Amino acid sequence: MTDTKPREGLSRRDLLARSMAAGASFVVGSSFVASHDAAWALETTALKPGTMATLIQMARDIYPHDHLADEYYAVAVKGYDTPEAAEDVEAGIAGLNAAAQGKGHADYLSIGWERDRAQILRGMEDSAFFQQVRGGLVTGLYNQKAVWPLFGYEGESYSKGGYINRGFDDINWL
């Protein structure tokens, strides 16, 4: 026998439809963050989904690459979704949102212009939180093998015999 009582709250379909209608960058659920325009989602365990969505946007604003999808930034910041880091990250994002509110916005994610988000980040670039995220992104983003071809990097060369015989010895511009 099936239960025909309607469920309370939003269905996934309603959540997605409302977020796309609102023009949101991310769909934030009870324990996940998803992209509204691509097929990826990220489950959160220690961080609030809104915090993770803000962290992904912050990562994109620190190292902006228009040709990289949000999923690569999500992978880069997933390491902050641990019980050990959660308190500091939540506090850092709360500070970021407070700075956005000081500029008349609801929060950091609601700022539509990259230039305005970058201005807020410049105001906190000396903070330990910003430096931690920025430093972690250097390896978290650029060490992803899936990202390398998007930058034209073929990877390490030692296992392939070095660079000399792989097209780097064709100096025809001299």
C-alpha atoms as a PDB file:
ATOM      1  CA  MET A   1       0.000   0.000   0.000  1.00  0.00           C
ATOM      2  CA  THR A   2       1.403   3.400  -0.918  1.00  0.00           C
ATOM      3  CA  ASP A   3       1.133   6.527   1.118  1.00  0.00           C
ATOM      4  CA  THR A   4      -0.720   9.204  -0.859  1.00  0.00           C
ATOM      5  CA  LYS A   5      -0.191  11.972   1.683  1.00  0.00           C
ATOM      6  CA  PRO A   6       1.611  14.912   0.027  1.00  0.00           C
ATOM      7  CA  ARG A   7       5.126  15.670   1.240  1.00  0.00           C
ATOM      8  CA  GLU A   8       5.842  18.942   2.977  1.00  0.00           C
ATOM      9  CA  GLY A   9       8.523  21.305   1.773  1.00  0.00           C
ATOM     10  CA  LEU A  10      10.110  21.674  -1.645  1.00  0.00           C
ATOM     11  CA  SER A  11      10.649  18.826  -4.040  1.00  0.00           C
ATOM     12  CA  ARG A  12      13.964  18.641  -5.889  1.00  0.00           C
ATOM     13  CA  ARG A  13      12.208  19.768  -9.037  1.00  0.00           C
ATOM     14  CA  ASP A  14      10.721  22.822  -7.277  1.00  0.00           C
ATOM     15  CA  LEU A  15      14.089  23.685  -5.737  1.00  0.00           C
ATOM     16  CA  LEU A  16      15.862  23.527  -9.079  1.00  0.00           C
ATOM     17  CA  ALA A  17      13.144  25.451 -10.893  1.00  0.00           C
ATOM     18  CA  ARG A  18      13.108  28.246  -8.320  1.00  0.00           C
ATOM     19  CA  SER A  19      16.880  28.567  -8.218  1.00  0.00           C
ATOM     20  CA  MET A  20      17.134  28.736 -12.013  1.00  0.00           C
ATOM     21  CA  ALA A  21      14.356  31.293 -12.182  1.00  0.00           C
ATOM     22  CA  ALA A  22      16.164  33.426  -9.642  1.00  0.00           C
ATOM     23  CA  GLY A  23      19.382  33.309 -11.681  1.00  0.00           C
ATOM     24  CA  ALA A  24      21.406  31.702  -8.913  1.00  0.00           C
ATOM     25  CA  SER A  25      24.912  30.454  -9.615  1.00  0.00           C
ATOM     26  CA  PHE A  26      24.496  27.495  -7.315  1.00  0.00           C
ATOM     27  CA  VAL A  27      21.637  25.374  -6.075  1.00  0.00           C
ATOM     28  CA  VAL A  28      21.989  24.921  -2.331  1.00  0.00           C
ATOM     29  CA  GLY A  29      20.156  22.060  -0.635  1.00  0.00           C
ATOM     30  CA  SER A  30      20.188  20.613   2.853  1.00  0.00           C
ATOM     31  CA  SER A  31      23.563  18.905   2.383  1.00  0.00           C
ATOM     32  CA  PHE A  32      24.633  19.601  -1.199  1.00  0.00           C
ATOM     33  CA  VAL A  33      25.726  22.288  -3.610  1.00  0.00           C
ATOM     34  CA  ALA A  34      25.005  21.879  -7.317  1.00  0.00           C
ATOM     35  CA  SER A  35      25.452  23.892 -10.438  1.00  0.00           C
ATOM     36  CA  HIS A  36      22.269  25.028 -12.138  1.00  0.00           C
ATOM     37  CA  ASP A  37      23.800  24.884 -15.611  1.00  0.00           C
ATOM     38  CA  ALA A  38      26.023  21.798 -15.496  1.00  0.00           C
ATOM     39  CA  ALA A  39      25.787  18.204 -14.403  1.00  0.00           C
ATOM     40  CA  TRP A  40      27.680  18.201 -11.136  1.00  0.00           C
ATOM     41  CA  ALA A  41      26.898  18.351  -7.456  1.00  0.00           C
ATOM     42  CA  LEU A  42      28.979  18.318  -4.305  1.00  0.00           C
ATOM     43  CA  GLU A  43      27.826  16.776  -1.062  1.00  0.00           C
ATOM     44  CA  THR A  44      28.874  18.584   2.089  1.00  0.00           C
ATOM     45  CA  THR A  45      29.517  16.901   5.420  1.00  0.00           C
ATOM     46  CA  ALA A  46      30.950  19.447   7.854  1.00  0.00           C
ATOM     47  CA  LEU A  47      30.233  22.777   6.148  1.00  0.00           C
ATOM     48  CA  LYS A  48      26.841  24.277   5.463  1.00  0.00           C
ATOM     49  CA  PRO A  49      25.957  24.064   1.767  1.00  0.00           C
ATOM     50  CA  GLY A  50      25.676  27.860   1.567  1.00  0.00           C
ATOM     51  CA  THR A  51      29.175  28.165   3.004  1.00  0.00           C
ATOM     52  CA  MET A  52      30.517  25.742   0.401  1.00  0.00           C
ATOM     53  CA  ALA A  53      28.778  27.637  -2.413  1.00  0.00           C
ATOM     54  CA  THR A  54      30.315  30.890  -1.164  1.00  0.00           C
ATOM     55  CA  LEU A  55      33.724  29.221  -0.876  1.00  0.00           C
ATOM     56  CA  ILE A  56      33.478  28.029  -4.492  1.00  0.00           C
ATOM     57  CA  GLN A  57      32.590  31.544  -5.672  1.00  0.00           C
ATOM     58  CA  MET A  58      35.416  32.977  -3.579  1.00  0.00           C
ATOM     59  CA  ALA A  59      37.836  30.510  -5.201  1.00  0.00           C
ATOM     60  CA  ARG A  60      36.631  31.533  -8.657  1.00  0.00           C
ATOM     61  CA  ASP A  61      37.122  35.203  -7.778  1.00  0.00           C
ATOM     62  CA  ILE A  62      40.637  34.657  -6.389  1.00  0.00           C
ATOM     63  CA  TYR A  63      41.810  32.692  -9.436  1.00  0.00           C
ATOM     64  CA  PRO A  64      39.396  33.659 -12.220  1.00  0.00           C
ATOM     65  CA  HIS A  65      39.540  31.481 -15.315  1.00  0.00           C
ATOM     66  CA  ASP A  66      36.482  31.895 -17.493  1.00  0.00           C
ATOM     67  CA  HIS A  67      37.242  28.672 -19.363  1.00  0.00           C
ATOM     68  CA  LEU A  68      37.178  26.552 -16.176  1.00  0.00           C
ATOM     69  CA  ALA A  69      33.871  25.173 -14.941  1.00  0.00           C
ATOM     70  CA  ASP A  70      32.791  25.582 -11.329  1.00  0.00           C
ATOM     71  CA  GLU A  71      33.256  21.850 -10.747  1.00  0.00           C
ATOM     72  CA  TYR A  72      37.066  22.277 -10.785  1.00  0.00           C
ATOM     73  CA  TYR A  73      36.816  24.994  -8.150  1.00  0.00           C
ATOM     74  CA  ALA A  74      34.488  22.756  -6.122  1.00  0.00           C
ATOM     75  CA  VAL A  75      37.073  19.974  -6.171  1.00  0.00           C
ATOM     76  CA  ALA A  76      39.762  22.480  -5.146  1.00  0.00           C
ATOM     77  CA  VAL A  77      37.886  23.613  -2.013  1.00  0.00           C
ATOM     78  CA  LYS A  78      36.354  20.261  -1.044  1.00  0.00           C
ATOM     79  CA  GLY A  79      39.296  19.732   1.330  1.00  0.00           C
ATOM     80  CA  TYR A  80      37.899  22.433   3.623  1.00  0.00           C
ATOM     81  CA  ASP A  81      34.773  20.339   4.258  1.00  0.00           C
ATOM     82  CA  THR A  82      36.225  18.609   7.321  1.00  0.00           C
ATOM     83  CA  PRO A  83      35.264  18.819  10.996  1.00  0.00           C
ATOM     84  CA  GLU A  84      38.730  20.213  11.784  1.00  0.00           C
ATOM     85  CA  ALA A  85      38.464  23.104   9.321  1.00  0.00           C
ATOM     86  CA  ALA A  86      34.718  23.761   9.499  1.00  0.00           C
ATOM     87  CA  GLU A  87      34.732  26.259  12.364  1.00  0.00           C
ATOM     88  CA  ASP A  88      37.417  28.465  10.812  1.00  0.00           C
ATOM     89  CA  VAL A  89      35.856  28.304   7.346  1.00  0.00           C
ATOM     90  CA  GLU A  90      32.366  29.090   8.641  1.00  0.00           C
ATOM     91  CA  ALA A  91      33.802  32.075  10.553  1.00  0.00           C
ATOM     92  CA  GLY A  92      35.769  33.245   7.505  1.00  0.00           C
ATOM     93  CA  ILE A  93      32.733  33.050   5.232  1.00  0.00           C
ATOM     94  CA  ALA A  94      30.647  34.826   7.876  1.00  0.00           C
ATOM     95  CA  GLY A  95      33.224  37.643   7.790  1.00  0.00           C
ATOM     96  CA  LEU A  96      33.077  37.702   3.999  1.00  0.00           C
ATOM     97  CA  ASN A  97      29.281  37.912   4.094  1.00  0.00           C
ATOM     98  CA  ALA A  98      29.461  40.669   6.723  1.00  0.00           C
ATOM     99  CA  ALA A  99      31.780  42.660   4.453  1.00  0.00           C
ATOM    100  CA  ALA A 100      29.295  42.207   1.595  1.00  0.00           C
ATOM    101  CA  GLN A 101      26.448  43.361   3.841  1.00  0.00           C
ATOM    102  CA  GLY A 102      28.509  46.426   4.735  1.00  0.00           C
ATOM    103  CA  LYS A 103      28.467  47.279   1.020  1.00  0.00           C
ATOM    104  CA  GLY A 104      24.678  46.914   0.811  1.00  0.00           C
ATOM    105  CA  HIS A 105      24.367  43.314  -0.387  1.00  0.00           C
ATOM    106  CA  ALA A 106      22.528  40.419   1.239  1.00  0.00           C
ATOM    107  CA  ASP A 107      25.688  38.278   1.211  1.00  0.00           C
ATOM    108  CA  TYR A 108      28.760  37.577  -0.916  1.00  0.00           C
ATOM    109  CA  LEU A 109      26.923  35.282  -3.346  1.00  0.00           C
ATOM    110  CA  SER A 110      24.310  37.925  -4.084  1.00  0.00           C
ATOM    111  CA  ILE A 111      26.902  40.317  -5.538  1.00  0.00           C
ATOM    112  CA  GLY A 112      26.420  40.164  -9.276  1.00  0.00           C
ATOM    113  CA  TRP A 113      29.574  41.873 -10.465  1.00  0.00           C
ATOM    114  CA  GLU A 114      32.974  40.207 -10.189  1.00  0.00           C
ATOM    115  CA  ARG A 115      34.587  43.620  -9.775  1.00  0.00           C
ATOM    116  CA  ASP A 116      32.522  44.265  -6.617  1.00  0.00           C
ATOM    117  CA  ARG A 117      33.344  40.828  -5.170  1.00  0.00           C
ATOM    118  CA  ALA A 118      37.039  41.391  -5.901  1.00  0.00           C
ATOM    119  CA  GLN A 119      36.902  44.695  -4.027  1.00  0.00           C
ATOM    120  CA  ILE A 120      35.562  42.901  -0.951  1.00  0.00           C
ATOM    121  CA  LEU A 121      38.280  40.254  -1.254  1.00  0.00           C
ATOM    122  CA  ARG A 122      40.969  42.958  -1.484  1.00  0.00           C
ATOM    123  CA  GLY A 123      39.694  44.327   1.817  1.00  0.00           C
ATOM    124  CA  MET A 124      40.346  41.001   3.537  1.00  0.00           C
ATOM    125  CA  GLU A 125      43.424  39.788   1.648  1.00  0.00           C
ATOM    126  CA  ASP A 126      45.673  40.221   4.705  1.00  0.00           C
ATOM    127  CA  SER A 127      43.468  37.965   6.860  1.00  0.00           C
ATOM    128  CA  ALA A 128      44.612  34.470   7.797  1.00  0.00           C
ATOM    129  CA  PHE A 129      41.445  32.977   6.294  1.00  0.00           C
ATOM    130  CA  PHE A 130      41.985  34.581   2.886  1.00  0.00           C
ATOM    131  CA  GLN A 131      45.648  33.556   2.818  1.00  0.00           C
ATOM    132  CA  GLN A 132      44.750  29.997   3.780  1.00  0.00           C
ATOM    133  CA  VAL A 133      42.180  29.692   0.989  1.00  0.00           C
ATOM    134  CA  ARG A 134      44.406  31.422  -1.583  1.00  0.00           C
ATOM    135  CA  GLY A 135      47.371  29.231  -0.693  1.00  0.00           C
ATOM    136  CA  GLY A 136      45.316  26.047  -0.780  1.00  0.00           C
ATOM    137  CA  LEU A 137      43.928  26.912  -4.193  1.00  0.00           C
ATOM    138  CA  VAL A 138      47.369  26.987  -5.767  1.00  0.00           C
ATOM    139  CA  THR A 139      47.681  23.239  -5.366  1.00  0.00           C
ATOM    140  CA  GLY A 140      43.994  22.372  -5.073  1.00  0.00           C
ATOM    141  CA  LEU A 141      43.126  23.899  -8.434  1.00  0.00           C
ATOM    142  CA  TYR A 142      46.269  23.615 -10.521  1.00  0.00           C
ATOM    143  CA  ASN A 143      47.256  20.081  -9.442  1.00  0.00           C
ATOM    144  CA  GLN A 144      44.086  18.591 -10.928  1.00  0.00           C
ATOM    145  CA  LYS A 145      45.119  16.556 -13.945  1.00  0.00           C
ATOM    146  CA  ALA A 146      41.734  17.246 -15.549  1.00  0.00           C
ATOM    147  CA  VAL A 147      42.565  20.979 -15.587  1.00  0.00           C
ATOM    148  CA  TRP A 148      45.975  20.661 -17.235  1.00  0.00           C
ATOM    149  CA  PRO A 149      44.762  20.234 -20.831  1.00  0.00           C
ATOM    150  CA  LEU A 150      42.547  23.293 -20.429  1.00  0.00           C
ATOM    151  CA  PHE A 151      45.712  25.333 -19.898  1.00  0.00           C
ATOM    152  CA  GLY A 152      47.692  23.542 -22.612  1.00  0.00           C
ATOM    153  CA  TYR A 153      49.935  21.754 -20.112  1.00  0.00           C
ATOM    154  CA  GLU A 154      50.782  18.196 -21.118  1.00  0.00           C
ATOM    155  CA  GLY A 155      51.932  17.130 -17.668  1.00  0.00           C
ATOM    156  CA  GLU A 156      55.299  16.099 -16.392  1.00  0.00           C
ATOM    157  CA  SER A 157      57.829  15.116 -19.047  1.00  0.00           C
ATOM    158  CA  TYR A 158      60.255  12.821 -17.245  1.00  0.00           C
ATOM    159  CA  SER A 159      58.252   9.656 -17.893  1.00  0.00           C
ATOM    160  CA  LYS A 160      58.008  10.615 -21.585  1.00  0.00           C
ATOM    161  CA  GLY A 161      61.735  11.161 -22.117  1.00  0.00           C
ATOM    162  CA  GLY A 162      61.850  14.867 -21.341  1.00  0.00           C
ATOM    163  CA  TYR A 163      60.842  17.880 -23.369  1.00  0.00           C
ATOM    164  CA  ILE A 164      63.607  17.907 -25.977  1.00  0.00           C
ATOM    165  CA  ASN A 165      62.091  15.384 -28.384  1.00  0.00           C
ATOM    166  CA  ARG A 166      58.493  16.438 -27.841  1.00  0.00           C
ATOM    167  CA  GLY A 167      58.312  19.604 -29.899  1.00  0.00           C
ATOM    168  CA  PHE A 168      60.239  21.925 -27.621  1.00  0.00           C
ATOM    169  CA  ASP A 169      63.369  21.741 -29.756  1.00  0.00           C
ATOM    170  CA  ASP A 170      61.819  23.358 -32.826  1.00  0.00           C
ATOM    171  CA  ILE A 171      63.101  26.864 -32.347  1.00  0.00           C
ATOM    172  CA  ASN A 172      62.218  28.343 -35.693  1.00  0.00           C
ATOM    173  CA  TRP A 173      61.797  31.886 -34.499  1.00  0.00           C
ATOM    174  CA  LEU A 174      65.564  32.594 -34.124  1.00  0.00           C
END
